[in-house]
Amino acid sequence: MAMSNAERQRRYRERPRSGDHQQVRLNMTVSETTRHQLERLTSFYGMTKRSMLEVLILAADEKVLAMLVDEDAAEYLSPSRSNQSKKPF
């Protein structure tokens, strides 16, 4: 019996990318405004959406780390960190 489209898509999403085992797939929706902003940024800088998101996230992460003192930085970097509500900017 042939696979359904849903089965093919599931297998594709679960398949690791060859040679790039540190990559993970994100599946999300964003507002139309956010999509347009991301497209403007990627067009302006000549980057892919993935690259632009990586740059933005890295910059935000570095900004947070620069603001924290040693104990807070250790907590922030801890994988078991609790979900505390903080305003991003």
N, C-alpha and C. Protein backbone atom coordinates (compact mmCIF):
# COMPACT_ATOMS: atom_id res chain seq x y z
N MET A 1 0.84 -1.17 0.00
CA MET A 1 0.00 0.00 0.00
C MET A 1 0.89 1.24 0.00
N ALA A 2 0.53 2.22 -0.77
CA ALA A 2 1.30 3.46 -0.88
C ALA A 2 1.14 4.31 0.38
N MET A 3 2.19 5.09 0.67
CA MET A 3 2.14 5.99 1.83
C MET A 3 1.27 7.19 1.51
N SER A 4 0.61 7.68 2.53
CA SER A 4 -0.17 8.91 2.37
C SER A 4 0.78 10.10 2.41
N ASN A 5 0.29 11.25 1.99
CA ASN A 5 1.11 12.46 2.05
C ASN A 5 1.55 12.76 3.48
N ALA A 6 0.64 12.58 4.42
CA ALA A 6 0.96 12.84 5.83
C ALA A 6 2.09 11.93 6.31
N GLU A 7 2.07 10.66 5.91
CA GLU A 7 3.13 9.73 6.30
C GLU A 7 4.47 10.13 5.69
N ARG A 8 4.46 10.52 4.43
CA ARG A 8 5.70 10.98 3.76
C ARG A 8 6.26 12.22 4.44
N GLN A 9 5.38 13.17 4.79
CA GLN A 9 5.82 14.39 5.45
C GLN A 9 6.40 14.08 6.83
N ARG A 10 5.74 13.19 7.58
CA ARG A 10 6.23 12.82 8.90
C ARG A 10 7.62 12.20 8.81
N ARG A 11 7.82 11.30 7.86
CA ARG A 11 9.13 10.67 7.68
C ARG A 11 10.19 11.71 7.29
N TYR A 12 9.82 12.64 6.44
CA TYR A 12 10.76 13.69 6.03
C TYR A 12 11.17 14.54 7.23
N ARG A 13 10.19 14.93 8.06
CA ARG A 13 10.50 15.77 9.22
C ARG A 13 11.35 15.03 10.24
N GLU A 14 11.16 13.74 10.38
CA GLU A 14 11.89 12.96 11.37
C GLU A 14 13.28 12.56 10.90
N ARG A 15 13.52 12.59 9.61
CA ARG A 15 14.80 12.17 9.05
C ARG A 15 15.88 13.20 9.40
N PRO A 16 17.00 12.74 9.97
CA PRO A 16 18.07 13.69 10.26
C PRO A 16 18.68 14.20 8.95
N ARG A 17 19.11 15.43 8.96
CA ARG A 17 19.77 15.98 7.79
C ARG A 17 21.15 15.35 7.69
N SER A 18 21.50 14.89 6.52
CA SER A 18 22.75 14.17 6.34
C SER A 18 23.95 15.07 6.66
N GLY A 19 24.84 14.56 7.49
CA GLY A 19 26.07 15.26 7.81
C GLY A 19 25.91 16.46 8.73
N ASP A 20 24.71 16.76 9.18
CA ASP A 20 24.49 17.94 10.00
C ASP A 20 23.64 17.56 11.20
N HIS A 21 24.24 16.84 12.14
CA HIS A 21 23.48 16.28 13.25
C HIS A 21 23.19 17.28 14.37
N GLN A 22 23.70 18.50 14.25
CA GLN A 22 23.41 19.49 15.28
C GLN A 22 22.24 20.38 14.88
N GLN A 23 21.62 20.11 13.78
CA GLN A 23 20.48 20.88 13.32
C GLN A 23 19.20 20.28 13.89
N VAL A 24 18.28 21.14 14.30
CA VAL A 24 16.96 20.68 14.75
C VAL A 24 15.91 21.46 13.97
N ARG A 25 14.78 20.85 13.79
CA ARG A 25 13.70 21.47 13.04
C ARG A 25 12.77 22.20 14.00
N LEU A 26 12.43 23.44 13.65
CA LEU A 26 11.44 24.22 14.40
C LEU A 26 10.20 24.37 13.53
N ASN A 27 9.06 24.19 14.14
CA ASN A 27 7.82 24.36 13.41
C ASN A 27 6.97 25.33 14.21
N MET A 28 6.73 26.51 13.67
CA MET A 28 6.00 27.53 14.41
C MET A 28 5.26 28.44 13.46
N THR A 29 4.35 29.18 14.03
CA THR A 29 3.68 30.23 13.26
C THR A 29 4.01 31.56 13.90
N VAL A 30 4.06 32.59 13.09
CA VAL A 30 4.31 33.95 13.57
C VAL A 30 3.26 34.86 12.94
N SER A 31 3.15 36.04 13.48
CA SER A 31 2.17 36.98 12.93
C SER A 31 2.60 37.43 11.53
N GLU A 32 1.65 37.91 10.78
CA GLU A 32 1.94 38.42 9.43
C GLU A 32 2.94 39.57 9.50
N THR A 33 2.81 40.42 10.51
CA THR A 33 3.74 41.54 10.69
C THR A 33 5.16 41.03 10.91
N THR A 34 5.31 40.03 11.76
CA THR A 34 6.62 39.46 12.03
C THR A 34 7.21 38.84 10.78
N ARG A 35 6.39 38.17 10.00
CA ARG A 35 6.87 37.57 8.75
C ARG A 35 7.39 38.65 7.80
N HIS A 36 6.66 39.76 7.68
CA HIS A 36 7.11 40.85 6.81
C HIS A 36 8.40 41.46 7.33
N GLN A 37 8.50 41.63 8.65
CA GLN A 37 9.72 42.19 9.22
C GLN A 37 10.92 41.28 8.96
N LEU A 38 10.72 39.98 9.12
CA LEU A 38 11.80 39.03 8.86
C LEU A 38 12.20 39.07 7.39
N GLU A 39 11.23 39.14 6.50
CA GLU A 39 11.54 39.22 5.06
C GLU A 39 12.30 40.50 4.72
N ARG A 40 11.92 41.62 5.35
CA ARG A 40 12.65 42.88 5.11
C ARG A 40 14.09 42.75 5.57
N LEU A 41 14.28 42.20 6.78
CA LEU A 41 15.63 42.04 7.31
C LEU A 41 16.48 41.14 6.43
N THR A 42 15.92 40.01 6.03
CA THR A 42 16.69 39.07 5.21
C THR A 42 17.03 39.68 3.85
N SER A 43 16.12 40.43 3.29
CA SER A 43 16.37 41.08 2.01
C SER A 43 17.45 42.16 2.17
N PHE A 44 17.35 42.96 3.22
CA PHE A 44 18.30 44.05 3.45
C PHE A 44 19.72 43.53 3.65
N TYR A 45 19.85 42.47 4.44
CA TYR A 45 21.17 41.92 4.75
C TYR A 45 21.60 40.81 3.79
N GLY A 46 20.72 40.41 2.87
CA GLY A 46 21.07 39.36 1.92
C GLY A 46 21.30 38.02 2.61
N MET A 47 20.46 37.70 3.58
CA MET A 47 20.61 36.47 4.36
C MET A 47 19.37 35.60 4.21
N THR A 48 19.53 34.34 4.57
CA THR A 48 18.38 33.44 4.62
C THR A 48 17.62 33.71 5.92
N LYS A 49 16.39 33.26 5.98
CA LYS A 49 15.60 33.42 7.21
C LYS A 49 16.28 32.71 8.37
N ARG A 50 16.78 31.52 8.12
CA ARG A 50 17.45 30.77 9.17
C ARG A 50 18.66 31.53 9.70
N SER A 51 19.49 32.03 8.80
CA SER A 51 20.69 32.77 9.22
C SER A 51 20.31 34.03 9.99
N MET A 52 19.29 34.73 9.52
CA MET A 52 18.87 35.96 10.19
C MET A 52 18.37 35.65 11.59
N LEU A 53 17.56 34.61 11.74
CA LEU A 53 17.07 34.23 13.07
C LEU A 53 18.23 33.84 13.98
N GLU A 54 19.21 33.12 13.46
CA GLU A 54 20.36 32.73 14.27
C GLU A 54 21.13 33.96 14.74
N VAL A 55 21.33 34.94 13.87
CA VAL A 55 22.04 36.18 14.23
C VAL A 55 21.26 36.95 15.29
N LEU A 56 19.96 37.09 15.10
CA LEU A 56 19.13 37.84 16.05
C LEU A 56 19.11 37.16 17.42
N ILE A 57 18.98 35.85 17.44
CA ILE A 57 18.93 35.11 18.70
C ILE A 57 20.28 35.18 19.40
N LEU A 58 21.36 35.03 18.67
CA LEU A 58 22.69 35.14 19.25
C LEU A 58 22.91 36.52 19.87
N ALA A 59 22.50 37.57 19.16
CA ALA A 59 22.66 38.94 19.68
C ALA A 59 21.84 39.13 20.96
N ALA A 60 20.62 38.63 20.98
CA ALA A 60 19.77 38.76 22.18
C ALA A 60 20.36 37.98 23.35
N ASP A 61 20.86 36.79 23.08
CA ASP A 61 21.47 35.95 24.11
C ASP A 61 22.71 36.63 24.69
N GLU A 62 23.56 37.18 23.84
CA GLU A 62 24.77 37.87 24.30
C GLU A 62 24.40 39.11 25.12
N LYS A 63 23.35 39.80 24.73
CA LYS A 63 22.89 40.99 25.46
C LYS A 63 22.46 40.60 26.88
N VAL A 64 21.71 39.52 27.00
CA VAL A 64 21.26 39.06 28.32
C VAL A 64 22.47 38.65 29.16
N LEU A 65 23.39 37.87 28.59
CA LEU A 65 24.56 37.43 29.35
C LEU A 65 25.41 38.60 29.83
N ALA A 66 25.52 39.65 29.02
CA ALA A 66 26.31 40.83 29.40
C ALA A 66 25.69 41.57 30.58
N MET A 67 24.40 41.46 30.76
CA MET A 67 23.70 42.16 31.84
C MET A 67 23.76 41.40 33.16
N LEU A 68 24.04 40.11 33.12
CA LEU A 68 23.94 39.26 34.31
C LEU A 68 25.25 39.19 35.08
N VAL A 69 25.15 39.08 36.39
CA VAL A 69 26.32 38.81 37.22
C VAL A 69 26.54 37.30 37.23
N ASP A 70 27.66 36.86 37.76
CA ASP A 70 28.08 35.46 37.65
C ASP A 70 27.02 34.44 38.05
N GLU A 71 26.40 34.63 39.23
CA GLU A 71 25.42 33.65 39.71
C GLU A 71 24.20 33.60 38.79
N ASP A 72 23.75 34.78 38.38
CA ASP A 72 22.58 34.84 37.48
C ASP A 72 22.91 34.25 36.12
N ALA A 73 24.13 34.48 35.65
CA ALA A 73 24.55 33.92 34.36
C ALA A 73 24.57 32.40 34.43
N ALA A 74 25.06 31.85 35.53
CA ALA A 74 25.09 30.40 35.70
C ALA A 74 23.68 29.83 35.70
N GLU A 75 22.77 30.53 36.36
CA GLU A 75 21.36 30.08 36.38
C GLU A 75 20.76 30.17 34.97
N TYR A 76 21.05 31.27 34.28
CA TYR A 76 20.53 31.47 32.93
C TYR A 76 21.02 30.37 31.99
N LEU A 77 22.27 29.98 32.14
CA LEU A 77 22.86 28.96 31.26
C LEU A 77 22.51 27.54 31.67
N SER A 78 21.92 27.38 32.85
CA SER A 78 21.57 26.05 33.34
C SER A 78 20.44 25.45 32.52
N PRO A 79 20.62 24.19 32.08
CA PRO A 79 19.55 23.55 31.29
C PRO A 79 18.28 23.29 32.09
N SER A 80 18.38 23.24 33.42
CA SER A 80 17.20 22.97 34.25
C SER A 80 16.55 24.26 34.74
N ARG A 81 16.88 25.35 34.13
CA ARG A 81 16.38 26.67 34.51
C ARG A 81 14.86 26.70 34.44
N SER A 82 14.24 27.31 35.46
CA SER A 82 12.79 27.42 35.47
C SER A 82 12.33 28.49 34.48
N ASN A 83 11.12 28.39 34.05
CA ASN A 83 10.56 29.35 33.09
C ASN A 83 10.09 30.59 33.82
N GLN A 84 10.95 31.57 33.94
CA GLN A 84 10.58 32.80 34.61
C GLN A 84 10.18 33.80 33.55
N SER A 85 9.14 34.54 33.83
CA SER A 85 8.64 35.50 32.86
C SER A 85 9.44 36.79 32.93
N LYS A 86 10.13 37.11 31.84
CA LYS A 86 10.90 38.33 31.74
C LYS A 86 10.52 39.00 30.43
N LYS A 87 10.49 40.32 30.43
CA LYS A 87 10.23 41.03 29.18
C LYS A 87 11.50 41.03 28.34
N PRO A 88 11.39 40.70 27.04
CA PRO A 88 12.60 40.57 26.23
C PRO A 88 13.34 41.88 25.97
N PHE A 89 12.64 42.99 25.91
CA PHE A 89 13.34 44.24 25.57
C PHE A 89 12.74 45.39 26.33
